[in-house]
Amino acid sequence: MADVSLEWHEDFQLDATGDLLVVDGDVEVRQRLERRLFTAVKGYLWHPDYGAGLPQKIGSVLSVPQIKAVCAAQLALEASVAPNPPAQLNVTRSLTDPGFVSIDIQYWDAKTGASVSFTITA
């Protein structure tokens, strides 16, 4: 089922007919996962357990295993992500700026079983 497209920190977009742009499939799931990872802890009034609050953690000292654990726990809550095989996460710190982190995420779609991957950099 398609959902309104909304990239993190962007506004709604219009399609060629002037309607709200909709997405489905892998793009929709990526947007939902990014929203889940970036939403502040207790930042969603009607669902206080939703969100990992990754932006809130900027400036704090988190180890790679801690970042992986936060991301893995949140991905496990998303119905579109298959529980088996488990999502693969690779967290790397920048060699030139240790505060810069890249998170490579690979998961398997719960409906199709297809492997999907994307990267978050912050």
C-alpha atoms as a PDB file:
ATOM      1  CA  MET A   1       0.000   0.000   0.000  1.00  0.00           C
ATOM      2  CA  ALA A   2       1.416   3.379  -0.986  1.00  0.00           C
ATOM      3  CA  ASP A   3       2.074   6.140   1.512  1.00  0.00           C
ATOM      4  CA  VAL A   4       2.755   9.854   1.158  1.00  0.00           C
ATOM      5  CA  SER A   5       6.418  10.448   0.359  1.00  0.00           C
ATOM      6  CA  LEU A   6       8.243  12.399   3.038  1.00  0.00           C
ATOM      7  CA  GLU A   7      12.031  12.484   3.084  1.00  0.00           C
ATOM      8  CA  TRP A   8      13.578  13.377   6.436  1.00  0.00           C
ATOM      9  CA  HIS A   9      13.981  17.175   6.838  1.00  0.00           C
ATOM     10  CA  GLU A  10      12.174  17.901   3.583  1.00  0.00           C
ATOM     11  CA  ASP A  11       8.683  19.064   2.734  1.00  0.00           C
ATOM     12  CA  PHE A  12       5.972  17.142   0.941  1.00  0.00           C
ATOM     13  CA  GLN A  13       6.493  16.861  -2.805  1.00  0.00           C
ATOM     14  CA  LEU A  14       3.972  16.996  -5.633  1.00  0.00           C
ATOM     15  CA  ASP A  15       3.714  14.551  -8.510  1.00  0.00           C
ATOM     16  CA  ALA A  16       3.247  15.536 -12.171  1.00  0.00           C
ATOM     17  CA  THR A  17      -0.510  16.029 -11.676  1.00  0.00           C
ATOM     18  CA  GLY A  18      -0.135  18.282  -8.632  1.00  0.00           C
ATOM     19  CA  ASP A  19      -1.182  15.637  -6.110  1.00  0.00           C
ATOM     20  CA  LEU A  20       0.979  14.640  -3.170  1.00  0.00           C
ATOM     21  CA  LEU A  21       3.761  12.312  -4.262  1.00  0.00           C
ATOM     22  CA  VAL A  22       3.300   8.777  -2.955  1.00  0.00           C
ATOM     23  CA  VAL A  23       5.836   5.973  -2.570  1.00  0.00           C
ATOM     24  CA  ASP A  24       5.665   2.282  -1.887  1.00  0.00           C
ATOM     25  CA  GLY A  25       8.004  -0.687  -1.699  1.00  0.00           C
ATOM     26  CA  ASP A  26      11.616  -0.189  -0.690  1.00  0.00           C
ATOM     27  CA  VAL A  27      11.455   3.616  -0.764  1.00  0.00           C
ATOM     28  CA  GLU A  28       8.494   3.666   1.602  1.00  0.00           C
ATOM     29  CA  VAL A  29      10.203   1.263   4.011  1.00  0.00           C
ATOM     30  CA  ARG A  30      13.458   3.277   3.933  1.00  0.00           C
ATOM     31  CA  GLN A  31      11.531   6.457   4.735  1.00  0.00           C
ATOM     32  CA  ARG A  32       9.727   4.708   7.596  1.00  0.00           C
ATOM     33  CA  LEU A  33      12.986   3.319   9.006  1.00  0.00           C
ATOM     34  CA  GLU A  34      14.735   6.686   8.792  1.00  0.00           C
ATOM     35  CA  ARG A  35      11.757   8.331  10.490  1.00  0.00           C
ATOM     36  CA  ARG A  36      11.864   5.705  13.254  1.00  0.00           C
ATOM     37  CA  LEU A  37      15.633   6.102  13.779  1.00  0.00           C
ATOM     38  CA  PHE A  38      15.565   9.912  13.704  1.00  0.00           C
ATOM     39  CA  THR A  39      12.421  10.559  15.765  1.00  0.00           C
ATOM     40  CA  ALA A  40      13.298  11.759  19.253  1.00  0.00           C
ATOM     41  CA  VAL A  41      12.774   9.357  22.133  1.00  0.00           C
ATOM     42  CA  LYS A  42       9.353  10.205  23.599  1.00  0.00           C
ATOM     43  CA  GLY A  43       8.984  12.711  20.754  1.00  0.00           C
ATOM     44  CA  TYR A  44       5.792  11.216  19.365  1.00  0.00           C
ATOM     45  CA  LEU A  45       3.016  12.192  21.754  1.00  0.00           C
ATOM     46  CA  TRP A  46       0.629   9.347  20.914  1.00  0.00           C
ATOM     47  CA  HIS A  47       3.292   6.641  20.832  1.00  0.00           C
ATOM     48  CA  PRO A  48       5.973   7.441  23.456  1.00  0.00           C
ATOM     49  CA  ASP A  49       7.940   4.231  22.776  1.00  0.00           C
ATOM     50  CA  TYR A  50       8.414   5.110  19.077  1.00  0.00           C
ATOM     51  CA  GLY A  51      11.803   6.392  17.924  1.00  0.00           C
ATOM     52  CA  ALA A  52      15.502   5.859  18.528  1.00  0.00           C
ATOM     53  CA  GLY A  53      16.462   9.520  18.811  1.00  0.00           C
ATOM     54  CA  LEU A  54      19.722   9.232  16.871  1.00  0.00           C
ATOM     55  CA  PRO A  55      19.952  13.024  16.388  1.00  0.00           C
ATOM     56  CA  GLN A  56      19.631  13.452  20.177  1.00  0.00           C
ATOM     57  CA  LYS A  57      22.752  11.361  20.591  1.00  0.00           C
ATOM     58  CA  ILE A  58      24.972  13.662  18.517  1.00  0.00           C
ATOM     59  CA  GLY A  59      27.762  14.908  20.726  1.00  0.00           C
ATOM     60  CA  SER A  60      27.506  12.026  23.163  1.00  0.00           C
ATOM     61  CA  VAL A  61      30.079   9.278  23.353  1.00  0.00           C
ATOM     62  CA  LEU A  62      28.491   6.137  21.939  1.00  0.00           C
ATOM     63  CA  SER A  63      30.410   3.037  21.013  1.00  0.00           C
ATOM     64  CA  VAL A  64      29.861   1.233  17.742  1.00  0.00           C
ATOM     65  CA  PRO A  65      28.141  -1.664  19.578  1.00  0.00           C
ATOM     66  CA  GLN A  66      25.750   0.803  21.276  1.00  0.00           C
ATOM     67  CA  ILE A  67      24.808   2.405  17.953  1.00  0.00           C
ATOM     68  CA  LYS A  68      24.262  -1.037  16.401  1.00  0.00           C
ATOM     69  CA  ALA A  69      22.111  -2.117  19.354  1.00  0.00           C
ATOM     70  CA  VAL A  70      19.877   0.965  19.122  1.00  0.00           C
ATOM     71  CA  CYS A  71      19.425   0.542  15.368  1.00  0.00           C
ATOM     72  CA  ALA A  72      18.870  -3.228  15.547  1.00  0.00           C
ATOM     73  CA  ALA A  73      16.224  -2.833  18.257  1.00  0.00           C
ATOM     74  CA  GLN A  74      14.322  -0.273  16.194  1.00  0.00           C
ATOM     75  CA  LEU A  75      14.541  -2.256  12.941  1.00  0.00           C
ATOM     76  CA  ALA A  76      13.145  -5.274  14.778  1.00  0.00           C
ATOM     77  CA  LEU A  77      10.019  -3.244  15.596  1.00  0.00           C
ATOM     78  CA  GLU A  78       9.265  -2.455  11.950  1.00  0.00           C
ATOM     79  CA  ALA A  79       6.747  -4.883  10.414  1.00  0.00           C
ATOM     80  CA  SER A  80       8.241  -4.470   6.931  1.00  0.00           C
ATOM     81  CA  VAL A  81      11.589  -5.871   8.077  1.00  0.00           C
ATOM     82  CA  ALA A  82      11.797  -9.659   8.158  1.00  0.00           C
ATOM     83  CA  PRO A  83      13.018 -11.031  11.500  1.00  0.00           C
ATOM     84  CA  ASN A  84      15.060 -13.737   9.760  1.00  0.00           C
ATOM     85  CA  PRO A  85      17.671 -13.342   8.632  1.00  0.00           C
ATOM     86  CA  PRO A  86      18.349 -10.482  11.036  1.00  0.00           C
ATOM     87  CA  ALA A  87      19.247  -7.074   9.663  1.00  0.00           C
ATOM     88  CA  GLN A  88      22.953  -6.488   9.098  1.00  0.00           C
ATOM     89  CA  LEU A  89      24.410  -3.256  10.448  1.00  0.00           C
ATOM     90  CA  ASN A  90      27.851  -1.833   9.797  1.00  0.00           C
ATOM     91  CA  VAL A  91      28.796   1.289  11.738  1.00  0.00           C
ATOM     92  CA  THR A  92      31.976   3.126  10.800  1.00  0.00           C
ATOM     93  CA  ARG A  93      33.496   6.276  12.215  1.00  0.00           C
ATOM     94  CA  SER A  94      35.186   8.750   9.921  1.00  0.00           C
ATOM     95  CA  LEU A  95      38.985   8.640  10.036  1.00  0.00           C
ATOM     96  CA  THR A  96      39.202  12.401   9.644  1.00  0.00           C
ATOM     97  CA  ASP A  97      36.308  13.356  11.954  1.00  0.00           C
ATOM     98  CA  PRO A  98      35.594  10.846  14.747  1.00  0.00           C
ATOM     99  CA  GLY A  99      32.212  12.490  15.405  1.00  0.00           C
ATOM    100  CA  PHE A 100      31.040  11.558  11.903  1.00  0.00           C
ATOM    101  CA  VAL A 101      29.375   8.133  11.690  1.00  0.00           C
ATOM    102  CA  SER A 102      28.103   6.112   8.760  1.00  0.00           C
ATOM    103  CA  ILE A 103      25.517   3.362   9.308  1.00  0.00           C
ATOM    104  CA  ASP A 104      25.082   0.788   6.539  1.00  0.00           C
ATOM    105  CA  ILE A 105      21.809  -1.095   6.920  1.00  0.00           C
ATOM    106  CA  GLN A 106      20.864  -4.260   5.092  1.00  0.00           C
ATOM    107  CA  TYR A 107      17.557  -5.949   5.850  1.00  0.00           C
ATOM    108  CA  TRP A 108      15.254  -8.429   4.189  1.00  0.00           C
ATOM    109  CA  ASP A 109      11.760  -7.370   3.159  1.00  0.00           C
ATOM    110  CA  ALA A 110       9.083  -9.190   5.176  1.00  0.00           C
ATOM    111  CA  LYS A 111       6.790  -9.628   2.135  1.00  0.00           C
ATOM    112  CA  THR A 112       9.182 -10.384  -0.702  1.00  0.00           C
ATOM    113  CA  GLY A 113      12.242 -11.677   1.126  1.00  0.00           C
ATOM    114  CA  ALA A 114      14.383  -9.398  -1.052  1.00  0.00           C
ATOM    115  CA  SER A 115      17.551  -7.900   0.376  1.00  0.00           C
ATOM    116  CA  VAL A 116      17.410  -4.108   0.710  1.00  0.00           C
ATOM    117  CA  SER A 117      20.203  -1.792   1.817  1.00  0.00           C
ATOM    118  CA  PHE A 118      20.769   1.891   2.435  1.00  0.00           C
ATOM    119  CA  THR A 119      23.203   4.133   4.315  1.00  0.00           C
ATOM    120  CA  ILE A 120      22.692   6.829   6.907  1.00  0.00           C
ATOM    121  CA  THR A 121      25.464   9.342   7.495  1.00  0.00           C
ATOM    122  CA  ALA A 122      25.545  11.735  10.410  1.00  0.00           C
END
